[in-house]
Amino acid sequence: MRLIRRSAQVHSVRATQPAIVREKYFFYERNTGVAHFHVETDADGRFPVEQAAGLLAMHCMVRNQTPSDYVVLVEANTNHLEDLTEKAEKLLEAGRAVKSHVKLTRREQEVLNGVVRSLANKEIAASLNLSERTVKFHVSSLLAKFRVRGRMELVREAAQLPASNVAPVTEPVATRESRPFVSRIMNYRRPGPAPLMSLTGRAAVTQ
């Protein structure tokens, strides 16, 4: 009876031991970022060197590569990622709230509207009856306010603004360069034949 009890106690102690988590090692191609294969640790948590070396050599031989062309990434522990999504979403909302308070002048909104419509500075200047130099100044001001480097990033950030912060699409305003040429030649009436004086009469006789 004592042996049975001891056996039961030993069995219960072993059952409470935490199971070893088998980690995964992913082999990615360094240049492309594509994962080609992965290996798992054994039951004791040891890295399978022989298995990984064989797979790596086979992939290098098939693709005419070297082991230095690959990088090994380890799967993250889920316990470390519990609050990651929640915290990232909070930071994202805070960042969008800051950008939503970007104050733009009426002219900057009009220029931003042209940039969103993929218009060049010359086209924006023509539609707003401004000089191209003035449009470049407003575009530089918009890049500074949104803290971006190029027009593509500016369009992407502007898409996150409320509709009230973006000027509505307006029809282009005709400028001096875009107005059609109107001829100023006036139509004059062609004069008729001059009246002739009769040699015998004092009154003019019109032929």
Protein backbone atom coordinates (compact mmCIF):
# COMPACT_ATOMS: atom_id res chain seq x y z
CA MET A 1 0.00 0.00 0.00
CA ARG A 2 2.81 2.38 0.78
CA LEU A 3 4.40 1.73 -2.58
CA ILE A 4 1.15 2.49 -4.33
CA ARG A 5 0.83 5.72 -2.42
CA ARG A 6 4.37 6.74 -3.27
CA SER A 7 3.80 5.93 -6.89
CA ALA A 8 0.66 8.02 -6.93
CA GLN A 9 2.46 10.90 -5.28
CA VAL A 10 5.32 10.75 -7.78
CA HIS A 11 2.86 10.64 -10.65
CA SER A 12 1.04 13.69 -9.35
CA VAL A 13 4.29 15.64 -9.01
CA ARG A 14 5.31 14.86 -12.57
CA ALA A 15 1.93 15.93 -13.85
CA THR A 16 2.31 19.39 -12.36
CA GLN A 17 5.61 20.07 -14.17
CA PRO A 18 5.15 22.69 -16.91
CA ALA A 19 5.51 21.45 -20.45
CA ILE A 20 8.43 22.78 -22.44
CA VAL A 21 7.33 25.11 -25.22
CA ARG A 22 8.80 24.09 -28.56
CA GLU A 23 10.13 27.17 -30.27
CA LYS A 24 10.06 27.61 -34.04
CA TYR A 25 13.00 29.00 -36.05
CA PHE A 26 12.13 30.46 -39.46
CA PHE A 27 14.76 30.80 -42.18
CA TYR A 28 14.14 33.87 -44.36
CA GLU A 29 15.97 34.88 -47.49
CA ARG A 30 17.79 38.10 -46.62
CA ASN A 31 17.22 39.96 -49.90
CA THR A 32 13.58 39.08 -50.55
CA GLY A 33 12.26 38.46 -47.03
CA VAL A 34 10.64 35.18 -48.11
CA ALA A 35 10.48 32.34 -45.58
CA HIS A 36 11.65 29.04 -47.11
CA PHE A 37 11.54 26.61 -44.19
CA HIS A 38 11.47 26.35 -40.40
CA VAL A 39 12.54 23.93 -37.68
CA GLU A 40 11.31 23.29 -34.13
CA THR A 41 13.18 22.56 -30.93
CA ASP A 42 13.02 19.04 -29.61
CA ALA A 43 11.15 17.84 -26.52
CA ASP A 44 13.97 19.09 -24.30
CA GLY A 45 13.93 22.56 -25.87
CA ARG A 46 17.21 22.07 -27.77
CA PHE A 47 17.78 23.52 -31.23
CA PRO A 48 18.02 20.79 -33.93
CA VAL A 49 21.37 21.78 -35.42
CA GLU A 50 21.74 18.76 -37.72
CA GLN A 51 18.25 19.11 -39.18
CA ALA A 52 18.58 22.86 -39.71
CA ALA A 53 22.04 22.53 -41.29
CA GLY A 54 20.80 19.87 -43.71
CA LEU A 55 17.81 21.94 -44.81
CA LEU A 56 19.89 25.08 -45.15
CA ALA A 57 22.53 23.31 -47.26
CA MET A 58 19.84 21.83 -49.51
CA HIS A 59 18.17 25.20 -50.13
CA CYS A 60 21.52 26.87 -50.80
CA MET A 61 22.45 24.15 -53.29
CA VAL A 62 19.15 24.41 -55.18
CA ARG A 63 19.21 28.23 -55.35
CA ASN A 64 22.99 28.59 -55.77
CA GLN A 65 23.25 30.59 -52.54
CA THR A 66 25.32 30.62 -49.35
CA PRO A 67 24.19 30.33 -45.72
CA SER A 68 24.92 34.05 -45.27
CA ASP A 69 22.04 34.76 -47.67
CA TYR A 70 19.59 33.65 -44.98
CA VAL A 71 18.50 35.15 -41.69
CA VAL A 72 16.91 33.20 -38.83
CA LEU A 73 13.93 34.58 -36.94
CA VAL A 74 12.40 33.10 -33.80
CA GLU A 75 8.67 33.03 -33.23
CA ALA A 76 7.76 35.44 -30.44
CA ASN A 77 6.27 34.21 -27.22
CA THR A 78 2.54 34.93 -27.09
CA ASN A 79 2.88 36.15 -23.50
CA HIS A 80 4.97 39.05 -24.77
CA LEU A 81 2.32 40.04 -27.32
CA GLU A 82 -0.72 40.20 -25.05
CA ASP A 83 -1.00 44.00 -24.88
CA LEU A 84 0.77 44.75 -28.15
CA THR A 85 -2.32 45.22 -30.33
CA GLU A 86 -4.22 47.21 -27.73
CA LYS A 87 -1.33 49.60 -27.08
CA ALA A 88 -0.62 50.01 -30.80
CA GLU A 89 -4.26 50.92 -31.46
CA LYS A 90 -4.21 53.53 -28.69
CA LEU A 91 -1.04 55.09 -30.08
CA LEU A 92 -2.53 55.07 -33.57
CA GLU A 93 -5.66 56.85 -32.39
CA ALA A 94 -3.53 59.43 -30.55
CA GLY A 95 -1.47 60.05 -33.69
CA ARG A 96 -4.54 60.49 -35.84
CA ALA A 97 -6.04 62.88 -33.28
CA VAL A 98 -2.95 65.07 -33.46
CA LYS A 99 -3.05 65.17 -37.26
CA SER A 100 -6.76 65.95 -37.27
CA HIS A 101 -5.95 69.22 -35.44
CA VAL A 102 -3.65 70.45 -38.22
CA LYS A 103 -4.87 73.96 -39.01
CA LEU A 104 -4.86 74.96 -42.66
CA THR A 105 -5.62 78.30 -44.23
CA ARG A 106 -8.22 78.55 -46.97
CA ARG A 107 -5.52 78.83 -49.63
CA GLU A 108 -3.64 75.84 -48.22
CA GLN A 109 -6.84 73.81 -48.35
CA GLU A 110 -7.31 74.75 -52.01
CA VAL A 111 -3.71 73.83 -52.85
CA LEU A 112 -4.04 70.57 -50.90
CA ASN A 113 -7.16 69.79 -52.88
CA GLY A 114 -5.14 70.15 -56.08
CA VAL A 115 -2.38 67.92 -54.75
CA VAL A 116 -4.94 65.24 -53.81
CA ARG A 117 -6.25 65.43 -57.40
CA SER A 118 -2.69 64.70 -58.65
CA LEU A 119 -2.35 68.10 -60.30
CA ALA A 120 1.04 69.61 -60.98
CA ASN A 121 2.02 72.96 -59.46
CA LYS A 122 1.48 74.68 -62.80
CA GLU A 123 -2.03 73.24 -63.09
CA ILE A 124 -2.88 74.23 -59.50
CA ALA A 125 -1.59 77.73 -60.17
CA ALA A 126 -3.76 78.02 -63.28
CA SER A 127 -6.88 76.74 -61.50
CA LEU A 128 -6.45 79.16 -58.57
CA ASN A 129 -5.18 82.10 -60.65
CA LEU A 130 -1.89 82.11 -58.71
CA SER A 131 1.75 82.11 -59.67
CA GLU A 132 3.59 78.80 -59.72
CA ARG A 133 6.02 80.18 -57.14
CA THR A 134 3.16 80.86 -54.71
CA VAL A 135 1.85 77.32 -55.15
CA LYS A 136 5.32 75.90 -54.41
CA PHE A 137 5.40 77.96 -51.21
CA HIS A 138 2.04 76.54 -50.06
CA VAL A 139 3.09 72.98 -50.93
CA SER A 140 6.25 73.39 -48.83
CA SER A 141 4.13 74.71 -45.97
CA LEU A 142 1.82 71.69 -46.21
CA LEU A 143 4.76 69.27 -46.17
CA ALA A 144 6.07 70.94 -43.03
CA LYS A 145 2.69 70.91 -41.25
CA PHE A 146 2.06 67.24 -41.98
CA ARG A 147 5.73 66.35 -41.31
CA VAL A 148 6.13 64.44 -44.58
CA ARG A 149 8.76 64.57 -47.30
CA GLY A 150 6.85 64.13 -50.55
CA ARG A 151 3.52 64.63 -52.27
CA MET A 152 2.57 60.93 -52.08
CA GLU A 153 2.95 60.93 -48.30
CA LEU A 154 1.03 64.21 -48.16
CA VAL A 155 -1.89 62.67 -50.07
CA ARG A 156 -1.88 59.65 -47.75
CA GLU A 157 -1.93 61.82 -44.63
CA ALA A 158 -4.59 64.13 -46.08
CA ALA A 159 -6.86 61.12 -46.62
CA GLN A 160 -7.02 60.70 -42.83
CA LEU A 161 -8.26 64.24 -42.24
CA PRO A 162 -11.94 64.96 -41.59
CA ALA A 163 -13.89 66.08 -44.63
CA SER A 164 -14.26 69.58 -43.16
CA ASN A 165 -10.48 70.11 -43.33
CA VAL A 166 -10.27 69.44 -47.06
CA ALA A 167 -11.59 71.96 -49.54
CA PRO A 168 -14.28 70.66 -51.91
CA VAL A 169 -13.42 70.05 -55.53
CA THR A 170 -14.00 73.19 -57.54
CA GLU A 171 -14.03 73.86 -61.23
CA PRO A 172 -10.90 75.49 -62.62
CA VAL A 173 -11.00 79.27 -62.94
CA ALA A 174 -10.21 80.58 -66.37
CA THR A 175 -6.99 82.55 -66.34
CA ARG A 176 -5.50 84.93 -68.84
CA GLU A 177 -3.49 82.07 -70.34
CA SER A 178 -6.38 79.64 -70.54
CA ARG A 179 -9.01 81.99 -71.96
CA PRO A 180 -9.68 81.50 -75.66
CA PHE A 181 -8.22 84.13 -77.97
CA VAL A 182 -10.89 86.51 -79.18
CA SER A 183 -10.27 88.37 -82.38
CA ARG A 184 -10.57 92.10 -82.00
CA ILE A 185 -10.85 92.76 -85.74
CA MET A 186 -14.04 94.69 -86.30
CA ASN A 187 -16.19 94.20 -89.35
CA TYR A 188 -16.28 97.42 -91.24
CA ARG A 189 -18.92 98.06 -93.84
CA ARG A 190 -17.46 98.20 -97.30
CA PRO A 191 -18.05 101.67 -98.77
CA GLY A 192 -20.15 101.87 -101.91
CA PRO A 193 -19.18 103.69 -105.14
CA ALA A 194 -18.78 107.46 -104.86
CA PRO A 195 -21.51 109.61 -106.47
CA LEU A 196 -20.70 111.17 -109.85
CA MET A 197 -21.43 114.76 -110.83
CA SER A 198 -23.29 115.35 -114.07
CA LEU A 199 -21.55 117.70 -116.43
CA THR A 200 -24.82 119.31 -117.44
CA GLY A 201 -26.59 119.41 -114.11
CA ARG A 202 -25.80 120.97 -110.76
CA ALA A 203 -27.25 118.08 -108.73
CA ALA A 204 -25.29 114.93 -108.09
CA VAL A 205 -26.61 111.88 -109.87
CA THR A 206 -25.89 108.58 -108.26
CA GLN A 207 -25.29 105.81 -110.77
